[in-house]
Amino acid sequence: MNWVEILLGFFVLLGGVFMLVGSIGLARLPDFYMRLHAPTKATTLGVGALLIASMMFFTIQDGAFSIHEILVTIFLFITAPVSAHMMAKSAVHVKTRIAKDTQGLAVRDAAEKRNNPLL
């Protein structure tokens, strides 16, 4: 076993751990906003680590730099935060239920009072 295999194994395991943590967070966290945070952060890092391992593997195997993984990584790192932001903003507009442990409830309440003077 050489150093390349150890490095590839490290990135694959790191990616798997991040994706596992994101999946557990998606299943166990109590409200939509907390559930949204787990997969967008942890799973993005997990897929990023797997893409690094894939890029290293195919670069070494083919002897030429692999650009496909870089394009996928750029696409993932641009679209994941944007889609999470849009889902969170939509959840605010439809007044999705919030758990008591969610931070920022005072800020949300102040914004609702500012937007609706009848409250």
PDB file of N, CA and C in Angstrom:
ATOM      1  N   MET A   1       0.857  -1.180   0.000  1.00  0.00           N
ATOM      2  CA  MET A   1       0.000   0.000   0.000  1.00  0.00           C
ATOM      3  C   MET A   1       0.898   1.237   0.000  1.00  0.00           C
ATOM      4  N   ASN A   2       0.684   2.107  -0.963  1.00  0.00           N
ATOM      5  CA  ASN A   2       1.529   3.295  -1.043  1.00  0.00           C
ATOM      6  C   ASN A   2       0.790   4.523  -0.513  1.00  0.00           C
ATOM      7  N   TRP A   3       1.476   5.652  -0.510  1.00  0.00           N
ATOM      8  CA  TRP A   3       0.929   6.876   0.075  1.00  0.00           C
ATOM      9  C   TRP A   3      -0.278   7.399  -0.681  1.00  0.00           C
ATOM     10  N   VAL A   4      -0.368   7.143  -1.988  1.00  0.00           N
ATOM     11  CA  VAL A   4      -1.509   7.612  -2.772  1.00  0.00           C
ATOM     12  C   VAL A   4      -2.791   6.894  -2.333  1.00  0.00           C
ATOM     13  N   GLU A   5      -2.696   5.601  -2.114  1.00  0.00           N
ATOM     14  CA  GLU A   5      -3.864   4.847  -1.666  1.00  0.00           C
ATOM     15  C   GLU A   5      -4.307   5.292  -0.281  1.00  0.00           C
ATOM     16  N   ILE A   6      -3.364   5.594   0.581  1.00  0.00           N
ATOM     17  CA  ILE A   6      -3.708   6.078   1.914  1.00  0.00           C
ATOM     18  C   ILE A   6      -4.409   7.433   1.828  1.00  0.00           C
ATOM     19  N   LEU A   7      -3.891   8.321   0.992  1.00  0.00           N
ATOM     20  CA  LEU A   7      -4.497   9.637   0.814  1.00  0.00           C
ATOM     21  C   LEU A   7      -5.893   9.529   0.204  1.00  0.00           C
ATOM     22  N   LEU A   8      -6.044   8.669  -0.806  1.00  0.00           N
ATOM     23  CA  LEU A   8      -7.362   8.463  -1.407  1.00  0.00           C
ATOM     24  C   LEU A   8      -8.338   7.879  -0.396  1.00  0.00           C
ATOM     25  N   GLY A   9      -7.881   6.916   0.380  1.00  0.00           N
ATOM     26  CA  GLY A   9      -8.731   6.334   1.418  1.00  0.00           C
ATOM     27  C   GLY A   9      -9.154   7.357   2.456  1.00  0.00           C
ATOM     28  N   PHE A  10      -8.226   8.266   2.808  1.00  0.00           N
ATOM     29  CA  PHE A  10      -8.552   9.320   3.769  1.00  0.00           C
ATOM     30  C   PHE A  10      -9.676  10.204   3.241  1.00  0.00           C
ATOM     31  N   PHE A  11      -9.569  10.657   1.984  1.00  0.00           N
ATOM     32  CA  PHE A  11     -10.597  11.535   1.428  1.00  0.00           C
ATOM     33  C   PHE A  11     -11.934  10.815   1.251  1.00  0.00           C
ATOM     34  N   VAL A  12     -11.913   9.551   0.886  1.00  0.00           N
ATOM     35  CA  VAL A  12     -13.160   8.789   0.758  1.00  0.00           C
ATOM     36  C   VAL A  12     -13.823   8.625   2.128  1.00  0.00           C
ATOM     37  N   LEU A  13     -13.034   8.281   3.141  1.00  0.00           N
ATOM     38  CA  LEU A  13     -13.592   8.150   4.495  1.00  0.00           C
ATOM     39  C   LEU A  13     -14.085   9.491   5.029  1.00  0.00           C
ATOM     40  N   LEU A  14     -13.340  10.556   4.793  1.00  0.00           N
ATOM     41  CA  LEU A  14     -13.757  11.881   5.224  1.00  0.00           C
ATOM     42  C   LEU A  14     -15.085  12.273   4.569  1.00  0.00           C
ATOM     43  N   GLY A  15     -15.188  12.026   3.273  1.00  0.00           N
ATOM     44  CA  GLY A  15     -16.438  12.312   2.575  1.00  0.00           C
ATOM     45  C   GLY A  15     -17.602  11.490   3.107  1.00  0.00           C
ATOM     46  N   GLY A  16     -17.345  10.219   3.372  1.00  0.00           N
ATOM     47  CA  GLY A  16     -18.397   9.361   3.915  1.00  0.00           C
ATOM     48  C   GLY A  16     -18.854   9.799   5.291  1.00  0.00           C
ATOM     49  N   VAL A  17     -17.912  10.221   6.135  1.00  0.00           N
ATOM     50  CA  VAL A  17     -18.270  10.682   7.483  1.00  0.00           C
ATOM     51  C   VAL A  17     -19.106  11.958   7.408  1.00  0.00           C
ATOM     52  N   PHE A  18     -18.699  12.907   6.575  1.00  0.00           N
ATOM     53  CA  PHE A  18     -19.476  14.134   6.433  1.00  0.00           C
ATOM     54  C   PHE A  18     -20.887  13.845   5.913  1.00  0.00           C
ATOM     55  N   MET A  19     -20.998  12.978   4.927  1.00  0.00           N
ATOM     56  CA  MET A  19     -22.331  12.664   4.396  1.00  0.00           C
ATOM     57  C   MET A  19     -23.180  11.920   5.415  1.00  0.00           C
ATOM     58  N   LEU A  20     -22.560  11.057   6.213  1.00  0.00           N
ATOM     59  CA  LEU A  20     -23.297  10.364   7.267  1.00  0.00           C
ATOM     60  C   LEU A  20     -23.813  11.350   8.308  1.00  0.00           C
ATOM     61  N   VAL A  21     -22.974  12.275   8.730  1.00  0.00           N
ATOM     62  CA  VAL A  21     -23.392  13.286   9.707  1.00  0.00           C
ATOM     63  C   VAL A  21     -24.525  14.145   9.140  1.00  0.00           C
ATOM     64  N   GLY A  22     -24.420  14.541   7.885  1.00  0.00           N
ATOM     65  CA  GLY A  22     -25.492  15.320   7.255  1.00  0.00           C
ATOM     66  C   GLY A  22     -26.786  14.547   7.153  1.00  0.00           C
ATOM     67  N   SER A  23     -26.710  13.271   6.852  1.00  0.00           N
ATOM     68  CA  SER A  23     -27.912  12.441   6.756  1.00  0.00           C
ATOM     69  C   SER A  23     -28.560  12.234   8.118  1.00  0.00           C
ATOM     70  N   ILE A  24     -27.748  12.007   9.141  1.00  0.00           N
ATOM     71  CA  ILE A  24     -28.294  11.857  10.492  1.00  0.00           C
ATOM     72  C   ILE A  24     -28.941  13.168  10.937  1.00  0.00           C
ATOM     73  N   GLY A  25     -28.303  14.287  10.634  1.00  0.00           N
ATOM     74  CA  GLY A  25     -28.889  15.588  10.970  1.00  0.00           C
ATOM     75  C   GLY A  25     -30.210  15.819  10.264  1.00  0.00           C
ATOM     76  N   LEU A  26     -30.305  15.413   9.018  1.00  0.00           N
ATOM     77  CA  LEU A  26     -31.557  15.556   8.273  1.00  0.00           C
ATOM     78  C   LEU A  26     -32.667  14.738   8.902  1.00  0.00           C
ATOM     79  N   ALA A  27     -32.338  13.570   9.400  1.00  0.00           N
ATOM     80  CA  ALA A  27     -33.350  12.693   9.974  1.00  0.00           C
ATOM     81  C   ALA A  27     -33.718  13.070  11.412  1.00  0.00           C
ATOM     82  N   ARG A  28     -32.784  13.627  12.182  1.00  0.00           N
ATOM     83  CA  ARG A  28     -33.022  13.790  13.615  1.00  0.00           C
ATOM     84  C   ARG A  28     -33.332  15.207  14.080  1.00  0.00           C
ATOM     85  N   LEU A  29     -32.975  16.216  13.327  1.00  0.00           N
ATOM     86  CA  LEU A  29     -33.195  17.585  13.803  1.00  0.00           C
ATOM     87  C   LEU A  29     -34.682  17.944  13.774  1.00  0.00           C
ATOM     88  N   PRO A  30     -35.132  18.828  14.690  1.00  0.00           N
ATOM     89  CA  PRO A  30     -36.563  18.982  14.926  1.00  0.00           C
ATOM     90  C   PRO A  30     -37.350  19.851  13.942  1.00  0.00           C
ATOM     91  N   ASP A  31     -36.754  20.858  13.342  1.00  0.00           N
ATOM     92  CA  ASP A  31     -37.562  21.692  12.450  1.00  0.00           C
ATOM     93  C   ASP A  31     -36.882  21.877  11.090  1.00  0.00           C
ATOM     94  N   PHE A  32     -37.615  22.491  10.187  1.00  0.00           N
ATOM     95  CA  PHE A  32     -37.165  22.623   8.801  1.00  0.00           C
ATOM     96  C   PHE A  32     -35.837  23.360   8.686  1.00  0.00           C
ATOM     97  N   TYR A  33     -35.681  24.443   9.442  1.00  0.00           N
ATOM     98  CA  TYR A  33     -34.472  25.259   9.313  1.00  0.00           C
ATOM     99  C   TYR A  33     -33.236  24.511   9.787  1.00  0.00           C
ATOM    100  N   MET A  34     -33.370  23.771  10.875  1.00  0.00           N
ATOM    101  CA  MET A  34     -32.232  22.966  11.341  1.00  0.00           C
ATOM    102  C   MET A  34     -31.964  21.816  10.377  1.00  0.00           C
ATOM    103  N   ARG A  35     -33.029  21.198   9.861  1.00  0.00           N
ATOM    104  CA  ARG A  35     -32.845  20.105   8.891  1.00  0.00           C
ATOM    105  C   ARG A  35     -32.203  20.597   7.608  1.00  0.00           C
ATOM    106  N   LEU A  36     -32.483  21.809   7.238  1.00  0.00           N
ATOM    107  CA  LEU A  36     -31.901  22.370   6.020  1.00  0.00           C
ATOM    108  C   LEU A  36     -30.402  22.613   6.194  1.00  0.00           C
ATOM    109  N   HIS A  37     -29.995  22.972   7.387  1.00  0.00           N
ATOM    110  CA  HIS A  37     -28.587  23.292   7.642  1.00  0.00           C
ATOM    111  C   HIS A  37     -27.690  22.060   7.533  1.00  0.00           C
ATOM    112  N   ALA A  38     -28.140  20.933   8.076  1.00  0.00           N
ATOM    113  CA  ALA A  38     -27.288  19.735   8.121  1.00  0.00           C
ATOM    114  C   ALA A  38     -26.873  19.243   6.740  1.00  0.00           C
ATOM    115  N   PRO A  39     -27.803  18.979   5.827  1.00  0.00           N
ATOM    116  CA  PRO A  39     -27.341  18.454   4.535  1.00  0.00           C
ATOM    117  C   PRO A  39     -26.623  19.475   3.665  1.00  0.00           C
ATOM    118  N   THR A  40     -26.990  20.750   3.761  1.00  0.00           N
ATOM    119  CA  THR A  40     -26.318  21.713   2.887  1.00  0.00           C
ATOM    120  C   THR A  40     -24.873  21.942   3.298  1.00  0.00           C
ATOM    121  N   LYS A  41     -24.578  21.868   4.568  1.00  0.00           N
ATOM    122  CA  LYS A  41     -23.195  22.066   5.007  1.00  0.00           C
ATOM    123  C   LYS A  41     -22.391  20.766   4.976  1.00  0.00           C
ATOM    124  N   ALA A  42     -22.849  19.785   5.716  1.00  0.00           N
ATOM    125  CA  ALA A  42     -22.075  18.553   5.873  1.00  0.00           C
ATOM    126  C   ALA A  42     -22.007  17.742   4.585  1.00  0.00           C
ATOM    127  N   THR A  43     -23.114  17.635   3.898  1.00  0.00           N
ATOM    128  CA  THR A  43     -23.110  16.813   2.689  1.00  0.00           C
ATOM    129  C   THR A  43     -22.318  17.492   1.570  1.00  0.00           C
ATOM    130  N   THR A  44     -22.349  18.815   1.515  1.00  0.00           N
ATOM    131  CA  THR A  44     -21.539  19.519   0.519  1.00  0.00           C
ATOM    132  C   THR A  44     -20.055  19.254   0.766  1.00  0.00           C
ATOM    133  N   LEU A  45     -19.634  19.291   2.022  1.00  0.00           N
ATOM    134  CA  LEU A  45     -18.232  18.981   2.333  1.00  0.00           C
ATOM    135  C   LEU A  45     -17.917  17.519   2.029  1.00  0.00           C
ATOM    136  N   GLY A  46     -18.880  16.615   2.282  1.00  0.00           N
ATOM    137  CA  GLY A  46     -18.669  15.200   1.991  1.00  0.00           C
ATOM    138  C   GLY A  46     -18.496  14.936   0.507  1.00  0.00           C
ATOM    139  N   VAL A  47     -19.360  15.516  -0.291  1.00  0.00           N
ATOM    140  CA  VAL A  47     -19.239  15.335  -1.747  1.00  0.00           C
ATOM    141  C   VAL A  47     -17.967  16.003  -2.246  1.00  0.00           C
ATOM    142  N   GLY A  48     -17.588  17.136  -1.649  1.00  0.00           N
ATOM    143  CA  GLY A  48     -16.338  17.791  -2.027  1.00  0.00           C
ATOM    144  C   GLY A  48     -15.131  16.907  -1.771  1.00  0.00           C
ATOM    145  N   ALA A  49     -15.104  16.232  -0.617  1.00  0.00           N
ATOM    146  CA  ALA A  49     -13.987  15.330  -0.306  1.00  0.00           C
ATOM    147  C   ALA A  49     -13.961  14.146  -1.270  1.00  0.00           C
ATOM    148  N   LEU A  50     -15.126  13.601  -1.597  1.00  0.00           N
ATOM    149  CA  LEU A  50     -15.172  12.497  -2.564  1.00  0.00           C
ATOM    150  C   LEU A  50     -14.723  12.939  -3.951  1.00  0.00           C
ATOM    151  N   LEU A  51     -15.077  14.159  -4.330  1.00  0.00           N
ATOM    152  CA  LEU A  51     -14.642  14.662  -5.634  1.00  0.00           C
ATOM    153  C   LEU A  51     -13.128  14.892  -5.666  1.00  0.00           C
ATOM    154  N   ILE A  52     -12.557  15.315  -4.551  1.00  0.00           N
ATOM    155  CA  ILE A  52     -11.093  15.458  -4.488  1.00  0.00           C
ATOM    156  C   ILE A  52     -10.431  14.091  -4.661  1.00  0.00           C
ATOM    157  N   ALA A  53     -10.972  13.082  -3.977  1.00  0.00           N
ATOM    158  CA  ALA A  53     -10.421  11.729  -4.114  1.00  0.00           C
ATOM    159  C   ALA A  53     -10.565  11.233  -5.552  1.00  0.00           C
ATOM    160  N   SER A  54     -11.710  11.481  -6.161  1.00  0.00           N
ATOM    161  CA  SER A  54     -11.929  11.054  -7.544  1.00  0.00           C
ATOM    162  C   SER A  54     -10.975  11.766  -8.499  1.00  0.00           C
ATOM    163  N   MET A  55     -10.787  13.055  -8.287  1.00  0.00           N
ATOM    164  CA  MET A  55      -9.882  13.817  -9.150  1.00  0.00           C
ATOM    165  C   MET A  55      -8.448  13.292  -9.030  1.00  0.00           C
ATOM    166  N   MET A  56      -8.024  13.007  -7.804  1.00  0.00           N
ATOM    167  CA  MET A  56      -6.674  12.467  -7.613  1.00  0.00           C
ATOM    168  C   MET A  56      -6.536  11.096  -8.266  1.00  0.00           C
ATOM    169  N   PHE A  57      -7.532  10.238  -8.089  1.00  0.00           N
ATOM    170  CA  PHE A  57      -7.465   8.883  -8.629  1.00  0.00           C
ATOM    171  C   PHE A  57      -7.368   8.895 -10.151  1.00  0.00           C
ATOM    172  N   PHE A  58      -8.255   9.636 -10.804  1.00  0.00           N
ATOM    173  CA  PHE A  58      -8.256   9.620 -12.268  1.00  0.00           C
ATOM    174  C   PHE A  58      -7.073  10.385 -12.856  1.00  0.00           C
ATOM    175  N   THR A  59      -6.554  11.373 -12.139  1.00  0.00           N
ATOM    176  CA  THR A  59      -5.350  12.059 -12.603  1.00  0.00           C
ATOM    177  C   THR A  59      -4.158  11.105 -12.576  1.00  0.00           C
ATOM    178  N   ILE A  60      -4.038  10.318 -11.507  1.00  0.00           N
ATOM    179  CA  ILE A  60      -2.931   9.367 -11.397  1.00  0.00           C
ATOM    180  C   ILE A  60      -3.109   8.206 -12.372  1.00  0.00           C
ATOM    181  N   GLN A  61      -4.338   7.720 -12.525  1.00  0.00           N
ATOM    182  CA  GLN A  61      -4.589   6.569 -13.394  1.00  0.00           C
ATOM    183  C   GLN A  61      -4.381   6.913 -14.869  1.00  0.00           C
ATOM    184  N   ASP A  62      -4.910   8.060 -15.301  1.00  0.00           N
ATOM    185  CA  ASP A  62      -4.833   8.425 -16.714  1.00  0.00           C
ATOM    186  C   ASP A  62      -3.562   9.184 -17.071  1.00  0.00           C
ATOM    187  N   GLY A  63      -2.907   9.752 -16.091  1.00  0.00           N
ATOM    188  CA  GLY A  63      -1.706  10.520 -16.356  1.00  0.00           C
ATOM    189  C   GLY A  63      -1.973  11.922 -16.859  1.00  0.00           C
ATOM    190  N   ALA A  64      -3.243  12.325 -16.916  1.00  0.00           N
ATOM    191  CA  ALA A  64      -3.618  13.675 -17.334  1.00  0.00           C
ATOM    192  C   ALA A  64      -4.531  14.272 -16.279  1.00  0.00           C
ATOM    193  N   PHE A  65      -4.472  15.593 -16.137  1.00  0.00           N
ATOM    194  CA  PHE A  65      -5.273  16.270 -15.123  1.00  0.00           C
ATOM    195  C   PHE A  65      -6.757  16.098 -15.420  1.00  0.00           C
ATOM    196  N   SER A  66      -7.524  15.733 -14.398  1.00  0.00           N
ATOM    197  CA  SER A  66      -8.964  15.509 -14.550  1.00  0.00           C
ATOM    198  C   SER A  66      -9.731  16.773 -14.189  1.00  0.00           C
ATOM    199  N   ILE A  67     -10.410  17.358 -15.166  1.00  0.00           N
ATOM    200  CA  ILE A  67     -11.119  18.618 -14.941  1.00  0.00           C
ATOM    201  C   ILE A  67     -12.600  18.415 -14.643  1.00  0.00           C
ATOM    202  N   HIS A  68     -13.152  17.245 -14.929  1.00  0.00           N
ATOM    203  CA  HIS A  68     -14.580  17.006 -14.716  1.00  0.00           C
ATOM    204  C   HIS A  68     -14.977  17.224 -13.256  1.00  0.00           C
ATOM    205  N   GLU A  69     -14.165  16.746 -12.338  1.00  0.00           N
ATOM    206  CA  GLU A  69     -14.478  16.870 -10.920  1.00  0.00           C
ATOM    207  C   GLU A  69     -14.430  18.317 -10.451  1.00  0.00           C
ATOM    208  N   ILE A  70     -13.540  19.104 -11.034  1.00  0.00           N
ATOM    209  CA  ILE A  70     -13.480  20.518 -10.668  1.00  0.00           C
ATOM    210  C   ILE A  70     -14.751  21.224 -11.104  1.00  0.00           C
ATOM    211  N   LEU A  71     -15.247  20.902 -12.287  1.00  0.00           N
ATOM    212  CA  LEU A  71     -16.489  21.509 -12.767  1.00  0.00           C
ATOM    213  C   LEU A  71     -17.675  21.107 -11.899  1.00  0.00           C
ATOM    214  N   VAL A  72     -17.731  19.848 -11.504  1.00  0.00           N
ATOM    215  CA  VAL A  72     -18.804  19.385 -10.626  1.00  0.00           C
ATOM    216  C   VAL A  72     -18.710  20.083  -9.270  1.00  0.00           C
ATOM    217  N   THR A  73     -17.505  20.232  -8.740  1.00  0.00           N
ATOM    218  CA  THR A  73     -17.307  20.895  -7.450  1.00  0.00           C
ATOM    219  C   THR A  73     -17.746  22.352  -7.507  1.00  0.00           C
ATOM    220  N   ILE A  74     -17.369  23.053  -8.553  1.00  0.00           N
ATOM    221  CA  ILE A  74     -17.781  24.454  -8.704  1.00  0.00           C
ATOM    222  C   ILE A  74     -19.298  24.550  -8.780  1.00  0.00           C
ATOM    223  N   PHE A  75     -19.917  23.680  -9.567  1.00  0.00           N
ATOM    224  CA  PHE A  75     -21.376  23.674  -9.680  1.00  0.00           C
ATOM    225  C   PHE A  75     -22.020  23.403  -8.328  1.00  0.00           C
ATOM    226  N   LEU A  76     -21.502  22.429  -7.590  1.00  0.00           N
ATOM    227  CA  LEU A  76     -22.060  22.074  -6.282  1.00  0.00           C
ATOM    228  C   LEU A  76     -21.912  23.211  -5.285  1.00  0.00           C
ATOM    229  N   PHE A  77     -20.730  23.817  -5.208  1.00  0.00           N
ATOM    230  CA  PHE A  77     -20.499  24.868  -4.226  1.00  0.00           C
ATOM    231  C   PHE A  77     -21.236  26.159  -4.564  1.00  0.00           C
ATOM    232  N   ILE A  78     -21.654  26.332  -5.803  1.00  0.00           N
ATOM    233  CA  ILE A  78     -22.458  27.500  -6.162  1.00  0.00           C
ATOM    234  C   ILE A  78     -23.943  27.226  -5.933  1.00  0.00           C
ATOM    235  N   THR A  79     -24.417  26.057  -6.320  1.00  0.00           N
ATOM    236  CA  THR A  79     -25.855  25.799  -6.261  1.00  0.00           C
ATOM    237  C   THR A  79     -26.368  25.405  -4.886  1.00  0.00           C
ATOM    238  N   ALA A  80     -25.581  24.743  -4.063  1.00  0.00           N
ATOM    239  CA  ALA A  80     -26.070  24.300  -2.748  1.00  0.00           C
ATOM    240  C   ALA A  80     -26.446  25.471  -1.841  1.00  0.00           C
ATOM    241  N   PRO A  81     -25.608  26.490  -1.672  1.00  0.00           N
ATOM    242  CA  PRO A  81     -26.024  27.605  -0.815  1.00  0.00           C
ATOM    243  C   PRO A  81     -27.193  28.403  -1.393  1.00  0.00           C
ATOM    244  N   VAL A  82     -27.218  28.554  -2.705  1.00  0.00           N
ATOM    245  CA  VAL A  82     -28.309  29.309  -3.326  1.00  0.00           C
ATOM    246  C   VAL A  82     -29.636  28.573  -3.138  1.00  0.00           C
ATOM    247  N   SER A  83     -29.646  27.271  -3.358  1.00  0.00           N
ATOM    248  CA  SER A  83     -30.893  26.522  -3.187  1.00  0.00           C
ATOM    249  C   SER A  83     -31.320  26.475  -1.723  1.00  0.00           C
ATOM    250  N   ALA A  84     -30.368  26.371  -0.795  1.00  0.00           N
ATOM    251  CA  ALA A  84     -30.715  26.388   0.631  1.00  0.00           C
ATOM    252  C   ALA A  84     -31.301  27.740   1.019  1.00  0.00           C
ATOM    253  N   HIS A  85     -30.736  28.811   0.510  1.00  0.00           N
ATOM    254  CA  HIS A  85     -31.260  30.141   0.801  1.00  0.00           C
ATOM    255  C   HIS A  85     -32.680  30.300   0.265  1.00  0.00           C
ATOM    256  N   MET A  86     -32.915  29.825  -0.947  1.00  0.00           N
ATOM    257  CA  MET A  86     -34.255  29.945  -1.532  1.00  0.00           C
ATOM    258  C   MET A  86     -35.281  29.103  -0.766  1.00  0.00           C
ATOM    259  N   MET A  87     -34.889  27.918  -0.319  1.00  0.00           N
ATOM    260  CA  MET A  87     -35.813  27.095   0.471  1.00  0.00           C
ATOM    261  C   MET A  87     -36.107  27.745   1.814  1.00  0.00           C
ATOM    262  N   ALA A  88     -35.090  28.311   2.463  1.00  0.00           N
ATOM    263  CA  ALA A  88     -35.304  28.977   3.747  1.00  0.00           C
ATOM    264  C   ALA A  88     -36.188  30.209   3.578  1.00  0.00           C
ATOM    265  N   LYS A  89     -35.967  30.957   2.523  1.00  0.00           N
ATOM    266  CA  LYS A  89     -36.780  32.148   2.279  1.00  0.00           C
ATOM    267  C   LYS A  89     -38.236  31.763   1.992  1.00  0.00           C
ATOM    268  N   SER A  90     -38.445  30.698   1.252  1.00  0.00           N
ATOM    269  CA  SER A  90     -39.800  30.215   0.996  1.00  0.00           C
ATOM    270  C   SER A  90     -40.467  29.746   2.285  1.00  0.00           C
ATOM    271  N   ALA A  91     -39.702  29.092   3.143  1.00  0.00           N
ATOM    272  CA  ALA A  91     -40.250  28.626   4.421  1.00  0.00           C
ATOM    273  C   ALA A  91     -40.648  29.798   5.305  1.00  0.00           C
ATOM    274  N   VAL A  92     -39.897  30.890   5.256  1.00  0.00           N
ATOM    275  CA  VAL A  92     -40.264  32.081   6.027  1.00  0.00           C
ATOM    276  C   VAL A  92     -41.577  32.659   5.513  1.00  0.00           C
ATOM    277  N   HIS A  93     -41.734  32.707   4.195  1.00  0.00           N
ATOM    278  CA  HIS A  93     -42.943  33.298   3.610  1.00  0.00           C
ATOM    279  C   HIS A  93     -44.201  32.476   3.890  1.00  0.00           C
ATOM    280  N   VAL A  94     -44.067  31.164   3.968  1.00  0.00           N
ATOM    281  CA  VAL A  94     -45.245  30.332   4.267  1.00  0.00           C
ATOM    282  C   VAL A  94     -45.387  30.061   5.759  1.00  0.00           C
ATOM    283  N   LYS A  95     -44.533  30.719   6.579  1.00  0.00           N
ATOM    284  CA  LYS A  95     -44.578  30.627   8.039  1.00  0.00           C
ATOM    285  C   LYS A  95     -44.471  29.178   8.536  1.00  0.00           C
ATOM    286  N   THR A  96     -43.398  28.528   8.123  1.00  0.00           N
ATOM    287  CA  THR A  96     -43.123  27.156   8.543  1.00  0.00           C
ATOM    288  C   THR A  96     -42.894  27.112  10.050  1.00  0.00           C
ATOM    289  N   ARG A  97     -43.389  26.061  10.677  1.00  0.00           N
ATOM    290  CA  ARG A  97     -43.264  25.885  12.129  1.00  0.00           C
ATOM    291  C   ARG A  97     -41.795  25.890  12.540  1.00  0.00           C
ATOM    292  N   ILE A  98     -41.497  26.546  13.658  1.00  0.00           N
ATOM    293  CA  ILE A  98     -40.129  26.645  14.161  1.00  0.00           C
ATOM    294  C   ILE A  98     -40.074  26.035  15.554  1.00  0.00           C
ATOM    295  N   ALA A  99     -39.052  25.228  15.805  1.00  0.00           N
ATOM    296  CA  ALA A  99     -38.859  24.654  17.134  1.00  0.00           C
ATOM    297  C   ALA A  99     -38.400  25.733  18.107  1.00  0.00           C
ATOM    298  N   LYS A 100     -38.657  25.524  19.376  1.00  0.00           N
ATOM    299  CA  LYS A 100     -38.282  26.515  20.390  1.00  0.00           C
ATOM    300  C   LYS A 100     -36.777  26.669  20.520  1.00  0.00           C
ATOM    301  N   ASP A 101     -36.011  25.647  20.142  1.00  0.00           N
ATOM    302  CA  ASP A 101     -34.553  25.693  20.261  1.00  0.00           C
ATOM    303  C   ASP A 101     -33.876  26.449  19.119  1.00  0.00           C
ATOM    304  N   THR A 102     -34.625  26.826  18.108  1.00  0.00           N
ATOM    305  CA  THR A 102     -34.042  27.528  16.970  1.00  0.00           C
ATOM    306  C   THR A 102     -33.604  28.917  17.387  1.00  0.00           C
ATOM    307  N   GLN A 103     -32.390  29.296  17.015  1.00  0.00           N
ATOM    308  CA  GLN A 103     -31.879  30.621  17.357  1.00  0.00           C
ATOM    309  C   GLN A 103     -32.469  31.661  16.417  1.00  0.00           C
ATOM    310  N   GLY A 104     -32.591  32.880  16.901  1.00  0.00           N
ATOM    311  CA  GLY A 104     -33.053  33.974  16.053  1.00  0.00           C
ATOM    312  C   GLY A 104     -34.548  34.199  16.084  1.00  0.00           C
ATOM    313  N   LEU A 105     -35.263  33.632  17.039  1.00  0.00           N
ATOM    314  CA  LEU A 105     -36.712  33.822  17.103  1.00  0.00           C
ATOM    315  C   LEU A 105     -37.066  35.280  17.379  1.00  0.00           C
ATOM    316  N   ALA A 106     -36.285  35.966  18.206  1.00  0.00           N
ATOM    317  CA  ALA A 106     -36.552  37.377  18.505  1.00  0.00           C
ATOM    318  C   ALA A 106     -36.393  38.232  17.256  1.00  0.00           C
ATOM    319  N   VAL A 107     -35.413  37.914  16.441  1.00  0.00           N
ATOM    320  CA  VAL A 107     -35.205  38.661  15.195  1.00  0.00           C
ATOM    321  C   VAL A 107     -36.382  38.441  14.251  1.00  0.00           C
ATOM    322  N   ARG A 108     -36.849  37.205  14.156  1.00  0.00           N
ATOM    323  CA  ARG A 108     -37.994  36.900  13.301  1.00  0.00           C
ATOM    324  C   ARG A 108     -39.241  37.626  13.783  1.00  0.00           C
ATOM    325  N   ASP A 109     -39.483  37.611  15.091  1.00  0.00           N
ATOM    326  CA  ASP A 109     -40.663  38.276  15.635  1.00  0.00           C
ATOM    327  C   ASP A 109     -40.613  39.785  15.392  1.00  0.00           C
ATOM    328  N   ALA A 110     -39.441  40.397  15.563  1.00  0.00           N
ATOM    329  CA  ALA A 110     -39.293  41.836  15.313  1.00  0.00           C
ATOM    330  C   ALA A 110     -39.539  42.162  13.846  1.00  0.00           C
ATOM    331  N   ALA A 111     -39.078  41.315  12.947  1.00  0.00           N
ATOM    332  CA  ALA A 111     -39.299  41.546  11.516  1.00  0.00           C
ATOM    333  C   ALA A 111     -40.771  41.404  11.165  1.00  0.00           C
ATOM    334  N   GLU A 112     -41.457  40.450  11.790  1.00  0.00           N
ATOM    335  CA  GLU A 112     -42.887  40.290  11.521  1.00  0.00           C
ATOM    336  C   GLU A 112     -43.673  41.495  12.009  1.00  0.00           C
ATOM    337  N   LYS A 113     -43.317  42.032  13.182  1.00  0.00           N
ATOM    338  CA  LYS A 113     -44.010  43.216  13.701  1.00  0.00           C
ATOM    339  C   LYS A 113     -43.749  44.434  12.825  1.00  0.00           C
ATOM    340  N   ARG A 114     -42.541  44.534  12.301  1.00  0.00           N
ATOM    341  CA  ARG A 114     -42.195  45.658  11.434  1.00  0.00           C
ATOM    342  C   ARG A 114     -42.963  45.579  10.111  1.00  0.00           C
ATOM    343  N   ASN A 115     -43.149  44.371   9.598  1.00  0.00           N
ATOM    344  CA  ASN A 115     -43.848  44.202   8.321  1.00  0.00           C
ATOM    345  C   ASN A 115     -45.359  44.213   8.470  1.00  0.00           C
ATOM    346  N   ASN A 116     -45.868  43.883   9.662  1.00  0.00           N
ATOM    347  CA  ASN A 116     -47.304  43.844   9.886  1.00  0.00           C
ATOM    348  C   ASN A 116     -47.607  44.675  11.130  1.00  0.00           C
ATOM    349  N   PRO A 117     -47.981  45.951  10.975  1.00  0.00           N
ATOM    350  CA  PRO A 117     -48.171  46.820  12.137  1.00  0.00           C
ATOM    351  C   PRO A 117     -49.342  46.399  13.036  1.00  0.00           C
ATOM    352  N   LEU A 118     -50.203  45.509  12.576  1.00  0.00           N
ATOM    353  CA  LEU A 118     -51.342  45.085  13.377  1.00  0.00           C
ATOM    354  C   LEU A 118     -50.952  44.080  14.470  1.00  0.00           C
ATOM    355  N   LEU A 119     -49.744  43.510  14.394  1.00  0.00           N
ATOM    356  CA  LEU A 119     -49.304  42.535  15.395  1.00  0.00           C
ATOM    357  C   LEU A 119     -48.879  43.185  16.679  1.00  0.00           C
TER     358      LEU A 119
END
